Amino acid sequence: MLRVPCGMLHGMATDTSAKALMTTIKVPQPLRQRIAGDAAHEGVTAAAFLTGLVDRYERDRRFADVRRAYAGYDRGDDSDYAELTQTWDRLTAEDLDTAEGTENA
């Protein structure tokens, strides 16, 4: 169980300099109540709750960008892929052989 000082919620700023950086956003009353209720349910401030939501949104957006990039990748000519893979396999095997030879010495 998370223990916080009396009267404080996890994520709440404790110093006055951080409070000076605060601002207000205008949202409809029902949305504000939903945010406050969900934040309270999670045991965090509304600011911490919104931070988590924005962090998740930005992460999801980055992964969507990666998926779009992979979807647009032309796999028509992968001839160099096989060559590169074989080269890496050979070099890795040589490194393993060398490492095994030094252990037995």
Protein backbone atom coordinates (compact mmCIF):
# COMPACT_ATOMS: atom_id res chain seq x y z
CA MET A 1 0.00 0.00 0.00
CA LEU A 2 1.29 3.45 -0.92
CA ARG A 3 1.73 5.74 2.07
CA VAL A 4 1.80 9.49 1.54
CA PRO A 5 1.91 12.34 4.01
CA CYS A 6 -1.49 13.35 5.32
CA GLY A 7 -3.29 15.70 2.93
CA MET A 8 -1.09 14.91 -0.09
CA LEU A 9 -1.62 12.74 -3.12
CA HIS A 10 1.08 10.97 -5.10
CA GLY A 11 2.37 13.33 -7.79
CA MET A 12 1.44 16.50 -5.93
CA ALA A 13 4.10 19.21 -5.99
CA THR A 14 5.55 19.93 -2.56
CA ASP A 15 7.70 22.97 -3.25
CA THR A 16 6.54 26.47 -4.08
CA SER A 17 8.68 26.78 -7.23
CA ALA A 18 6.83 23.87 -8.88
CA LYS A 19 3.48 25.40 -7.92
CA ALA A 20 4.50 28.63 -9.64
CA LEU A 21 4.71 26.71 -12.90
CA MET A 22 1.09 25.57 -12.70
CA THR A 23 -1.60 26.78 -15.07
CA THR A 24 -5.30 26.23 -15.58
CA ILE A 25 -7.00 24.49 -18.46
CA LYS A 26 -10.67 24.92 -19.20
CA VAL A 27 -12.66 21.73 -19.49
CA PRO A 28 -16.38 21.06 -19.15
CA GLN A 29 -17.48 20.36 -15.57
CA PRO A 30 -18.48 16.73 -16.26
CA LEU A 31 -15.03 16.03 -17.73
CA ARG A 32 -13.31 17.67 -14.76
CA GLN A 33 -15.36 15.46 -12.43
CA ARG A 34 -14.42 12.34 -14.39
CA ILE A 35 -10.73 13.27 -14.26
CA ALA A 36 -10.91 13.99 -10.53
CA GLY A 37 -12.77 10.75 -9.83
CA ASP A 38 -10.42 8.60 -11.88
CA ALA A 39 -7.37 10.30 -10.35
CA ALA A 40 -8.72 9.73 -6.84
CA HIS A 41 -9.40 6.09 -7.70
CA GLU A 42 -5.74 5.74 -8.75
CA GLY A 43 -4.54 7.66 -5.67
CA VAL A 44 -2.87 10.43 -7.68
CA THR A 45 -3.51 14.07 -8.42
CA ALA A 46 -5.41 15.14 -11.52
CA ALA A 47 -2.10 16.45 -12.91
CA ALA A 48 -0.37 13.10 -12.40
CA PHE A 49 -3.34 11.28 -13.88
CA LEU A 50 -3.34 13.51 -16.97
CA THR A 51 0.42 13.15 -17.29
CA GLY A 52 0.00 9.39 -17.42
CA LEU A 53 -2.70 9.68 -20.08
CA VAL A 54 -0.59 12.01 -22.25
CA ASP A 55 2.48 9.79 -21.80
CA ARG A 56 0.45 6.77 -22.96
CA TYR A 57 -0.99 8.70 -25.92
CA GLU A 58 2.48 9.84 -27.03
CA ARG A 59 3.87 6.30 -26.69
CA ASP A 60 0.98 4.88 -28.72
CA ARG A 61 1.54 7.56 -31.37
CA ARG A 62 5.27 6.70 -31.62
CA PHE A 63 4.46 3.01 -32.07
CA ALA A 64 1.82 3.87 -34.70
CA ASP A 65 4.48 5.86 -36.57
CA VAL A 66 6.80 2.85 -36.46
CA ARG A 67 4.02 0.55 -37.72
CA ARG A 68 3.31 2.96 -40.61
CA ALA A 69 7.01 3.11 -41.46
CA TYR A 70 7.26 -0.69 -41.54
CA ALA A 71 4.07 -0.95 -43.60
CA GLY A 72 5.58 1.41 -46.19
CA TYR A 73 8.90 -0.42 -46.37
CA ASP A 74 9.49 -1.98 -49.79
CA ARG A 75 10.49 -5.60 -49.26
CA GLY A 76 10.77 -6.22 -52.97
CA ASP A 77 14.56 -6.54 -53.05
CA ASP A 78 15.95 -8.21 -49.97
CA SER A 79 18.90 -9.74 -51.82
CA ASP A 80 21.40 -7.93 -49.60
CA TYR A 81 19.62 -9.14 -46.47
CA ALA A 82 20.72 -12.75 -46.95
CA GLU A 83 24.29 -11.67 -47.64
CA LEU A 84 24.42 -9.42 -44.58
CA THR A 85 22.88 -12.09 -42.38
CA GLN A 86 25.42 -14.68 -43.54
CA THR A 87 28.25 -12.23 -42.87
CA TRP A 88 27.00 -11.52 -39.34
CA ASP A 89 26.55 -15.24 -38.67
CA ARG A 90 30.09 -15.96 -39.88
CA LEU A 91 31.61 -13.15 -37.79
CA THR A 92 29.65 -14.21 -34.73
CA ALA A 93 30.79 -17.81 -35.16
CA GLU A 94 34.41 -16.66 -35.54
CA ASP A 95 34.11 -14.58 -32.36
CA LEU A 96 32.65 -17.57 -30.51
CA ASP A 97 35.43 -19.85 -31.79
CA THR A 98 38.06 -17.33 -30.68
CA ALA A 99 36.45 -16.91 -27.26
CA GLU A 100 36.23 -20.66 -26.77
CA GLY A 101 39.91 -21.05 -27.77
CA THR A 102 41.05 -18.46 -25.20
CA GLU A 103 39.07 -20.09 -22.39
CA ASN A 104 40.76 -23.44 -22.94
CA ALA A 105 44.26 -21.98 -23.17
